[in-house]
Amino acid sequence: ALQASSSEVRLNALFEPNINHQATVFGGSASAVAI
């Protein structure tokens, strides 16, 4: 977590554990972090 308030939450996620076969962020990881 980078910010945690009742008006805004901001989370950071690392690239390496979320990489896919195309060397980009895996869509499931992107969705999970947004959720």
Full PDB file with SEQRES, HELIX, SHEET, SSBOND, CRYST1, ORIGX, SCALE, CONECT and MASTER records, all heavy atoms in Angstrom:
SEQRES   1 A   35  ALA LEU GLN ALA SER SER SER GLU VAL ARG LEU ASN ALA          
SEQRES   2 A   35  LEU PHE GLU PRO ASN ILE ASN HIS GLN ALA THR VAL PHE          
SEQRES   3 A   35  GLY GLY SER ALA SER ALA VAL ALA ILE                          
HELIX    1 AA1 GLU A   16  ASN A   18  5                                   3    
HELIX    2 AA2 GLY A   27  ALA A   34  1                                   8    
SHEET    1 AA1 2 GLN A   3  ALA A   4  0                                        
SHEET    2 AA1 2 VAL A   9  ARG A  10 -1                                        
CRYST1    1.000    1.000    1.000  90.00  90.00  90.00 P 1           1          
ORIGX1      1.000000  0.000000  0.000000        0.00000                         
ORIGX2      0.000000  1.000000  0.000000        0.00000                         
ORIGX3      0.000000  0.000000  1.000000        0.00000                         
SCALE1      1.000000  0.000000  0.000000        0.00000                         
SCALE2      0.000000  1.000000  0.000000        0.00000                         
SCALE3      0.000000  0.000000  1.000000        0.00000                         
ATOM      1  N   ALA A   1       0.849  -1.201   0.000  1.00  0.00           N  
ATOM      2  CA  ALA A   1       0.000   0.000   0.000  1.00  0.00           C  
ATOM      3  C   ALA A   1       0.877   1.240   0.000  1.00  0.00           C  
ATOM      4  O   ALA A   1       1.856   1.326   0.739  1.00  0.00           O  
ATOM      5  CB  ALA A   1      -0.917  -0.010   1.218  1.00  0.00           C  
ATOM      6  N   LEU A   2       0.509   2.194  -0.850  1.00  0.00           N  
ATOM      7  CA  LEU A   2       1.188   3.480  -0.907  1.00  0.00           C  
ATOM      8  C   LEU A   2       0.355   4.580  -0.264  1.00  0.00           C  
ATOM      9  O   LEU A   2       0.881   5.582   0.194  1.00  0.00           O  
ATOM     10  CB  LEU A   2       1.492   3.868  -2.361  1.00  0.00           C  
ATOM     11  CG  LEU A   2       2.352   2.903  -3.165  1.00  0.00           C  
ATOM     12  CD1 LEU A   2       2.444   3.359  -4.610  1.00  0.00           C  
ATOM     13  CD2 LEU A   2       3.726   2.770  -2.544  1.00  0.00           C  
ATOM     14  N   GLN A   3      -0.967   4.391  -0.286  1.00  0.00           N  
ATOM     15  CA  GLN A   3      -1.893   5.353   0.322  1.00  0.00           C  
ATOM     16  C   GLN A   3      -3.116   4.581   0.796  1.00  0.00           C  
ATOM     17  O   GLN A   3      -3.592   3.685   0.105  1.00  0.00           O  
ATOM     18  CB  GLN A   3      -2.309   6.426  -0.682  1.00  0.00           C  
ATOM     19  CG  GLN A   3      -3.213   7.483  -0.086  1.00  0.00           C  
ATOM     20  CD  GLN A   3      -3.490   8.626  -1.057  1.00  0.00           C  
ATOM     21  OE1 GLN A   3      -2.825   8.778  -2.064  1.00  0.00           O  
ATOM     22  NE2 GLN A   3      -4.476   9.412  -0.738  1.00  0.00           N  
ATOM     23  N   ALA A   4      -3.615   4.954   1.973  1.00  0.00           N  
ATOM     24  CA  ALA A   4      -4.791   4.285   2.535  1.00  0.00           C  
ATOM     25  C   ALA A   4      -5.628   5.316   3.273  1.00  0.00           C  
ATOM     26  O   ALA A   4      -5.294   5.717   4.377  1.00  0.00           O  
ATOM     27  CB  ALA A   4      -4.372   3.164   3.477  1.00  0.00           C  
ATOM     28  N   SER A   5      -6.695   5.751   2.628  1.00  0.00           N  
ATOM     29  CA  SER A   5      -7.630   6.678   3.270  1.00  0.00           C  
ATOM     30  C   SER A   5      -9.031   6.330   2.810  1.00  0.00           C  
ATOM     31  O   SER A   5      -9.211   5.519   1.902  1.00  0.00           O  
ATOM     32  CB  SER A   5      -7.293   8.129   2.918  1.00  0.00           C  
ATOM     33  OG  SER A   5      -7.654   8.420   1.578  1.00  0.00           O  
ATOM     34  N   SER A   6     -10.022   6.964   3.411  1.00  0.00           N  
ATOM     35  CA  SER A   6     -11.402   6.677   3.030  1.00  0.00           C  
ATOM     36  C   SER A   6     -11.749   7.264   1.663  1.00  0.00           C  
ATOM     37  O   SER A   6     -12.771   6.915   1.091  1.00  0.00           O  
ATOM     38  CB  SER A   6     -12.364   7.203   4.089  1.00  0.00           C  
ATOM     39  OG  SER A   6     -12.230   8.596   4.204  1.00  0.00           O  
ATOM     40  N   SER A   7     -10.895   8.120   1.132  1.00  0.00           N  
ATOM     41  CA  SER A   7     -11.173   8.692  -0.188  1.00  0.00           C  
ATOM     42  C   SER A   7     -10.310   8.082  -1.287  1.00  0.00           C  
ATOM     43  O   SER A   7     -10.684   8.128  -2.458  1.00  0.00           O  
ATOM     44  CB  SER A   7     -10.991  10.208  -0.177  1.00  0.00           C  
ATOM     45  OG  SER A   7      -9.660  10.537   0.171  1.00  0.00           O  
ATOM     46  N   GLU A   8      -9.155   7.493  -0.921  1.00  0.00           N  
ATOM     47  CA  GLU A   8      -8.305   6.897  -1.956  1.00  0.00           C  
ATOM     48  C   GLU A   8      -7.382   5.833  -1.385  1.00  0.00           C  
ATOM     49  O   GLU A   8      -6.777   6.023  -0.327  1.00  0.00           O  
ATOM     50  CB  GLU A   8      -7.465   7.963  -2.652  1.00  0.00           C  
ATOM     51  CG  GLU A   8      -6.632   7.419  -3.807  1.00  0.00           C  
ATOM     52  CD  GLU A   8      -5.947   8.492  -4.618  1.00  0.00           C  
ATOM     53  OE1 GLU A   8      -6.598   9.022  -5.535  1.00  0.00           O  
ATOM     54  OE2 GLU A   8      -4.780   8.808  -4.317  1.00  0.00           O  
ATOM     55  N   VAL A   9      -7.297   4.721  -2.116  1.00  0.00           N  
ATOM     56  CA  VAL A   9      -6.315   3.684  -1.835  1.00  0.00           C  
ATOM     57  C   VAL A   9      -5.452   3.549  -3.078  1.00  0.00           C  
ATOM     58  O   VAL A   9      -5.958   3.500  -4.197  1.00  0.00           O  
ATOM     59  CB  VAL A   9      -6.983   2.333  -1.478  1.00  0.00           C  
ATOM     60  CG1 VAL A   9      -5.977   1.190  -1.528  1.00  0.00           C  
ATOM     61  CG2 VAL A   9      -7.630   2.410  -0.104  1.00  0.00           C  
ATOM     62  N   ARG A  10      -4.145   3.504  -2.831  1.00  0.00           N  
ATOM     63  CA  ARG A  10      -3.179   3.343  -3.924  1.00  0.00           C  
ATOM     64  C   ARG A  10      -2.266   2.173  -3.551  1.00  0.00           C  
ATOM     65  O   ARG A  10      -1.655   2.191  -2.484  1.00  0.00           O  
ATOM     66  CB  ARG A  10      -2.378   4.631  -4.091  1.00  0.00           C  
ATOM     67  CG  ARG A  10      -1.406   4.629  -5.232  1.00  0.00           C  
ATOM     68  CD  ARG A  10      -0.682   5.971  -5.318  1.00  0.00           C  
ATOM     69  NE  ARG A  10      -1.610   7.043  -5.604  1.00  0.00           N  
ATOM     70  CZ  ARG A  10      -1.850   7.529  -6.816  1.00  0.00           C  
ATOM     71  NH1 ARG A  10      -1.230   7.024  -7.855  1.00  0.00           N  
ATOM     72  NH2 ARG A  10      -2.697   8.516  -6.989  1.00  0.00           N  
ATOM     73  N   LEU A  11      -2.226   1.167  -4.420  1.00  0.00           N  
ATOM     74  CA  LEU A  11      -1.382  -0.007  -4.212  1.00  0.00           C  
ATOM     75  C   LEU A  11      -0.321  -0.079  -5.295  1.00  0.00           C  
ATOM     76  O   LEU A  11      -0.582   0.270  -6.452  1.00  0.00           O  
ATOM     77  CB  LEU A  11      -2.214  -1.291  -4.265  1.00  0.00           C  
ATOM     78  CG  LEU A  11      -3.387  -1.431  -3.306  1.00  0.00           C  
ATOM     79  CD1 LEU A  11      -4.104  -2.758  -3.553  1.00  0.00           C  
ATOM     80  CD2 LEU A  11      -2.936  -1.318  -1.865  1.00  0.00           C  
ATOM     81  N   ASN A  12       0.855  -0.543  -4.933  1.00  0.00           N  
ATOM     82  CA  ASN A  12       1.921  -0.791  -5.892  1.00  0.00           C  
ATOM     83  C   ASN A  12       2.088  -2.301  -6.034  1.00  0.00           C  
ATOM     84  O   ASN A  12       1.965  -3.037  -5.051  1.00  0.00           O  
ATOM     85  CB  ASN A  12       3.230  -0.169  -5.401  1.00  0.00           C  
ATOM     86  CG  ASN A  12       4.326  -0.282  -6.446  1.00  0.00           C  
ATOM     87  OD1 ASN A  12       4.310   0.410  -7.450  1.00  0.00           O  
ATOM     88  ND2 ASN A  12       5.275  -1.172  -6.220  1.00  0.00           N  
ATOM     89  N   ALA A  13       2.380  -2.760  -7.239  1.00  0.00           N  
ATOM     90  CA  ALA A  13       2.645  -4.180  -7.481  1.00  0.00           C  
ATOM     91  C   ALA A  13       3.930  -4.304  -8.291  1.00  0.00           C  
ATOM     92  O   ALA A  13       4.173  -3.522  -9.219  1.00  0.00           O  
ATOM     93  CB  ALA A  13       1.490  -4.835  -8.230  1.00  0.00           C  
ATOM     94  N   LEU A  14       4.751  -5.276  -7.921  1.00  0.00           N  
ATOM     95  CA  LEU A  14       6.011  -5.508  -8.619  1.00  0.00           C  
ATOM     96  C   LEU A  14       5.776  -6.210  -9.950  1.00  0.00           C  
ATOM     97  O   LEU A  14       4.865  -7.028 -10.083  1.00  0.00           O  
ATOM     98  CB  LEU A  14       6.933  -6.357  -7.745  1.00  0.00           C  
ATOM     99  CG  LEU A  14       7.314  -5.754  -6.393  1.00  0.00           C  
ATOM    100  CD1 LEU A  14       8.162  -6.736  -5.596  1.00  0.00           C  
ATOM    101  CD2 LEU A  14       8.029  -4.419  -6.576  1.00  0.00           C  
ATOM    102  N   PHE A  15       6.618  -5.906 -10.906  1.00  0.00           N  
ATOM    103  CA  PHE A  15       6.496  -6.507 -12.230  1.00  0.00           C  
ATOM    104  C   PHE A  15       6.888  -7.988 -12.216  1.00  0.00           C  
ATOM    105  O   PHE A  15       6.154  -8.840 -12.728  1.00  0.00           O  
ATOM    106  CB  PHE A  15       7.358  -5.738 -13.238  1.00  0.00           C  
ATOM    107  CG  PHE A  15       7.466  -6.408 -14.580  1.00  0.00           C  
ATOM    108  CD1 PHE A  15       6.354  -6.561 -15.388  1.00  0.00           C  
ATOM    109  CD2 PHE A  15       8.684  -6.893 -15.017  1.00  0.00           C  
ATOM    110  CE1 PHE A  15       6.440  -7.181 -16.625  1.00  0.00           C  
ATOM    111  CE2 PHE A  15       8.779  -7.516 -16.260  1.00  0.00           C  
ATOM    112  CZ  PHE A  15       7.670  -7.664 -17.061  1.00  0.00           C  
ATOM    113  N   GLU A  16       8.052  -8.314 -11.654  1.00  0.00           N  
ATOM    114  CA  GLU A  16       8.624  -9.658 -11.773  1.00  0.00           C  
ATOM    115  C   GLU A  16       7.686 -10.803 -11.382  1.00  0.00           C  
ATOM    116  O   GLU A  16       7.567 -11.766 -12.128  1.00  0.00           O  
ATOM    117  CB  GLU A  16       9.936  -9.754 -11.003  1.00  0.00           C  
ATOM    118  CG  GLU A  16      11.088  -9.004 -11.670  1.00  0.00           C  
ATOM    119  CD  GLU A  16      11.412  -9.483 -13.072  1.00  0.00           C  
ATOM    120  OE1 GLU A  16      11.352 -10.701 -13.343  1.00  0.00           O  
ATOM    121  OE2 GLU A  16      11.718  -8.626 -13.920  1.00  0.00           O  
ATOM    122  N   PRO A  17       6.995 -10.747 -10.227  1.00  0.00           N  
ATOM    123  CA  PRO A  17       6.137 -11.892  -9.892  1.00  0.00           C  
ATOM    124  C   PRO A  17       4.841 -11.938 -10.710  1.00  0.00           C  
ATOM    125  O   PRO A  17       4.074 -12.889 -10.590  1.00  0.00           O  
ATOM    126  CB  PRO A  17       5.834 -11.708  -8.405  1.00  0.00           C  
ATOM    127  CG  PRO A  17       6.090 -10.282  -8.111  1.00  0.00           C  
ATOM    128  CD  PRO A  17       7.091  -9.798  -9.120  1.00  0.00           C  
ATOM    129  N   ASN A  18       4.625 -10.946 -11.565  1.00  0.00           N  
ATOM    130  CA  ASN A  18       3.374 -10.854 -12.328  1.00  0.00           C  
ATOM    131  C   ASN A  18       3.597 -10.913 -13.832  1.00  0.00           C  
ATOM    132  O   ASN A  18       2.722 -10.550 -14.608  1.00  0.00           O  
ATOM    133  CB  ASN A  18       2.653  -9.560 -11.937  1.00  0.00           C  
ATOM    134  CG  ASN A  18       2.287  -9.561 -10.474  1.00  0.00           C  
ATOM    135  OD1 ASN A  18       1.507 -10.397 -10.035  1.00  0.00           O  
ATOM    136  ND2 ASN A  18       2.890  -8.670  -9.703  1.00  0.00           N  
ATOM    137  N   ILE A  19       4.745 -11.417 -14.232  1.00  0.00           N  
ATOM    138  CA  ILE A  19       5.123 -11.456 -15.649  1.00  0.00           C  
ATOM    139  C   ILE A  19       4.402 -12.606 -16.375  1.00  0.00           C  
ATOM    140  O   ILE A  19       4.084 -13.631 -15.771  1.00  0.00           O  
ATOM    141  CB  ILE A  19       6.657 -11.588 -15.784  1.00  0.00           C  
ATOM    142  CG1 ILE A  19       7.116 -11.255 -17.192  1.00  0.00           C  
ATOM    143  CG2 ILE A  19       7.131 -12.937 -15.316  1.00  0.00           C  
ATOM    144  CD1 ILE A  19       8.631 -11.084 -17.306  1.00  0.00           C  
ATOM    145  N   ASN A  20       4.127 -12.400 -17.646  1.00  0.00           N  
ATOM    146  CA  ASN A  20       3.519 -13.461 -18.453  1.00  0.00           C  
ATOM    147  C   ASN A  20       4.496 -13.930 -19.532  1.00  0.00           C  
ATOM    148  O   ASN A  20       5.651 -13.501 -19.572  1.00  0.00           O  
ATOM    149  CB  ASN A  20       2.180 -13.000 -19.056  1.00  0.00           C  
ATOM    150  CG  ASN A  20       2.340 -11.906 -20.103  1.00  0.00           C  
ATOM    151  OD1 ASN A  20       3.427 -11.623 -20.599  1.00  0.00           O  
ATOM    152  ND2 ASN A  20       1.235 -11.254 -20.445  1.00  0.00           N  
ATOM    153  N   HIS A  21       4.045 -14.782 -20.417  1.00  0.00           N  
ATOM    154  CA  HIS A  21       4.888 -15.351 -21.470  1.00  0.00           C  
ATOM    155  C   HIS A  21       5.311 -14.322 -22.518  1.00  0.00           C  
ATOM    156  O   HIS A  21       6.208 -14.578 -23.311  1.00  0.00           O  
ATOM    157  CB  HIS A  21       4.167 -16.527 -22.147  1.00  0.00           C  
ATOM    158  CG  HIS A  21       2.935 -16.113 -22.885  1.00  0.00           C  
ATOM    159  ND1 HIS A  21       1.804 -15.645 -22.240  1.00  0.00           N  
ATOM    160  CD2 HIS A  21       2.676 -16.064 -24.205  1.00  0.00           C  
ATOM    161  CE1 HIS A  21       0.891 -15.341 -23.147  1.00  0.00           C  
ATOM    162  NE2 HIS A  21       1.391 -15.589 -24.340  1.00  0.00           N  
ATOM    163  N   GLN A  22       4.677 -13.157 -22.532  1.00  0.00           N  
ATOM    164  CA  GLN A  22       5.022 -12.087 -23.476  1.00  0.00           C  
ATOM    165  C   GLN A  22       5.953 -11.050 -22.839  1.00  0.00           C  
ATOM    166  O   GLN A  22       6.203 -10.007 -23.428  1.00  0.00           O  
ATOM    167  CB  GLN A  22       3.745 -11.381 -23.955  1.00  0.00           C  
ATOM    168  CG  GLN A  22       2.784 -12.256 -24.709  1.00  0.00           C  
ATOM    169  CD  GLN A  22       3.334 -12.687 -26.058  1.00  0.00           C  
ATOM    170  OE1 GLN A  22       4.031 -11.940 -26.730  1.00  0.00           O  
ATOM    171  NE2 GLN A  22       3.021 -13.906 -26.454  1.00  0.00           N  
ATOM    172  N   ALA A  23       6.394 -11.308 -21.620  1.00  0.00           N  
ATOM    173  CA  ALA A  23       7.255 -10.393 -20.854  1.00  0.00           C  
ATOM    174  C   ALA A  23       6.541  -9.073 -20.558  1.00  0.00           C  
ATOM    175  O   ALA A  23       7.160  -8.011 -20.525  1.00  0.00           O  
ATOM    176  CB  ALA A  23       8.593 -10.166 -21.553  1.00  0.00           C  
ATOM    177  N   THR A  24       5.225  -9.178 -20.350  1.00  0.00           N  
ATOM    178  CA  THR A  24       4.418  -8.051 -19.881  1.00  0.00           C  
ATOM    179  C   THR A  24       3.659  -8.535 -18.647  1.00  0.00           C  
ATOM    180  O   THR A  24       3.745  -9.703 -18.280  1.00  0.00           O  
ATOM    181  CB  THR A  24       3.427  -7.559 -20.959  1.00  0.00           C  
ATOM    182  OG1 THR A  24       2.544  -8.626 -21.323  1.00  0.00           O  
ATOM    183  CG2 THR A  24       4.156  -7.039 -22.207  1.00  0.00           C  
ATOM    184  N   VAL A  25       2.900  -7.644 -18.018  1.00  0.00           N  
ATOM    185  CA  VAL A  25       2.127  -8.044 -16.843  1.00  0.00           C  
ATOM    186  C   VAL A  25       0.982  -8.960 -17.266  1.00  0.00           C  
ATOM    187  O   VAL A  25       0.256  -8.667 -18.229  1.00  0.00           O  
ATOM    188  CB  VAL A  25       1.601  -6.806 -16.082  1.00  0.00           C  
ATOM    189  CG1 VAL A  25       0.604  -7.205 -15.000  1.00  0.00           C  
ATOM    190  CG2 VAL A  25       2.766  -6.039 -15.456  1.00  0.00           C  
ATOM    191  N   PHE A  26       0.841 -10.061 -16.564  1.00  0.00           N  
ATOM    192  CA  PHE A  26      -0.239 -11.028 -16.791  1.00  0.00           C  
ATOM    193  C   PHE A  26      -1.586 -10.357 -16.505  1.00  0.00           C  
ATOM    194  O   PHE A  26      -1.751  -9.682 -15.484  1.00  0.00           O  
ATOM    195  CB  PHE A  26      -0.017 -12.231 -15.876  1.00  0.00           C  
ATOM    196  CG  PHE A  26      -1.104 -13.258 -15.913  1.00  0.00           C  
ATOM    197  CD1 PHE A  26      -1.439 -13.916 -17.088  1.00  0.00           C  
ATOM    198  CD2 PHE A  26      -1.801 -13.581 -14.760  1.00  0.00           C  
ATOM    199  CE1 PHE A  26      -2.437 -14.870 -17.112  1.00  0.00           C  
ATOM    200  CE2 PHE A  26      -2.795 -14.534 -14.775  1.00  0.00           C  
ATOM    201  CZ  PHE A  26      -3.121 -15.185 -15.956  1.00  0.00           C  
ATOM    202  N   GLY A  27      -2.543 -10.522 -17.399  1.00  0.00           N  
ATOM    203  CA  GLY A  27      -3.856  -9.896 -17.245  1.00  0.00           C  
ATOM    204  C   GLY A  27      -4.550 -10.266 -15.949  1.00  0.00           C  
ATOM    205  O   GLY A  27      -5.207  -9.433 -15.315  1.00  0.00           O  
ATOM    206  N   GLY A  28      -4.408 -11.515 -15.520  1.00  0.00           N  
ATOM    207  CA  GLY A  28      -5.015 -11.933 -14.259  1.00  0.00           C  
ATOM    208  C   GLY A  28      -4.412 -11.201 -13.070  1.00  0.00           C  
ATOM    209  O   GLY A  28      -5.111 -10.848 -12.121  1.00  0.00           O  
ATOM    210  N   SER A  29      -3.114 -10.945 -13.114  1.00  0.00           N  
ATOM    211  CA  SER A  29      -2.456 -10.183 -12.050  1.00  0.00           C  
ATOM    212  C   SER A  29      -2.945  -8.741 -12.042  1.00  0.00           C  
ATOM    213  O   SER A  29      -3.226  -8.178 -10.977  1.00  0.00           O  
ATOM    214  CB  SER A  29      -0.936 -10.198 -12.238  1.00  0.00           C  
ATOM    215  OG  SER A  29      -0.400 -11.480 -12.053  1.00  0.00           O  
ATOM    216  N   ALA A  30      -3.040  -8.149 -13.227  1.00  0.00           N  
ATOM    217  CA  ALA A  30      -3.514  -6.765 -13.320  1.00  0.00           C  
ATOM    218  C   ALA A  30      -4.916  -6.652 -12.733  1.00  0.00           C  
ATOM    219  O   ALA A  30      -5.207  -5.748 -11.942  1.00  0.00           O  
ATOM    220  CB  ALA A  30      -3.490  -6.302 -14.774  1.00  0.00           C  
ATOM    221  N   SER A  31      -5.776  -7.585 -13.101  1.00  0.00           N  
ATOM    222  CA  SER A  31      -7.141  -7.586 -12.592  1.00  0.00           C  
ATOM    223  C   SER A  31      -7.159  -7.786 -11.079  1.00  0.00           C  
ATOM    224  O   SER A  31      -7.893  -7.103 -10.358  1.00  0.00           O  
ATOM    225  CB  SER A  31      -7.944  -8.686 -13.286  1.00  0.00           C  
ATOM    226  OG  SER A  31      -9.257  -8.750 -12.791  1.00  0.00           O  
ATOM    227  N   ALA A  32      -6.346  -8.718 -10.592  1.00  0.00           N  
ATOM    228  CA  ALA A  32      -6.315  -8.999  -9.153  1.00  0.00           C  
ATOM    229  C   ALA A  32      -5.868  -7.773  -8.358  1.00  0.00           C  
ATOM    230  O   ALA A  32      -6.439  -7.467  -7.305  1.00  0.00           O  
ATOM    231  CB  ALA A  32      -5.396 -10.186  -8.865  1.00  0.00           C  
ATOM    232  N   VAL A  33      -4.869  -7.045  -8.841  1.00  0.00           N  
ATOM    233  CA  VAL A  33      -4.394  -5.860  -8.128  1.00  0.00           C  
ATOM    234  C   VAL A  33      -5.449  -4.762  -8.151  1.00  0.00           C  
ATOM    235  O   VAL A  33      -5.668  -4.076  -7.151  1.00  0.00           O  
ATOM    236  CB  VAL A  33      -3.036  -5.380  -8.686  1.00  0.00           C  
ATOM    237  CG1 VAL A  33      -2.607  -4.073  -8.023  1.00  0.00           C  
ATOM    238  CG2 VAL A  33      -1.969  -6.457  -8.476  1.00  0.00           C  
ATOM    239  N   ALA A  34      -6.142  -4.604  -9.273  1.00  0.00           N  
ATOM    240  CA  ALA A  34      -7.228  -3.618  -9.344  1.00  0.00           C  
ATOM    241  C   ALA A  34      -8.348  -3.986  -8.366  1.00  0.00           C  
ATOM    242  O   ALA A  34      -8.881  -3.120  -7.660  1.00  0.00           O  
ATOM    243  CB  ALA A  34      -7.762  -3.515 -10.772  1.00  0.00           C  
ATOM    244  N   ILE A  35      -8.700  -5.262  -8.305  1.00  0.00           N  
ATOM    245  CA  ILE A  35      -9.718  -5.720  -7.353  1.00  0.00           C  
ATOM    246  C   ILE A  35      -9.252  -5.466  -5.919  1.00  0.00           C  
ATOM    247  O   ILE A  35     -10.029  -4.997  -5.081  1.00  0.00           O  
ATOM    248  CB  ILE A  35     -10.056  -7.214  -7.568  1.00  0.00           C  
ATOM    249  CG1 ILE A  35     -10.824  -7.398  -8.884  1.00  0.00           C  
ATOM    250  CG2 ILE A  35     -10.867  -7.775  -6.391  1.00  0.00           C  
ATOM    251  CD1 ILE A  35     -10.965  -8.850  -9.322  1.00  0.00           C  
TER     252      ILE A  35                                                      
MASTER        0    0    0    2    2    0    0    6  251    1    0    3          
END                                                                             
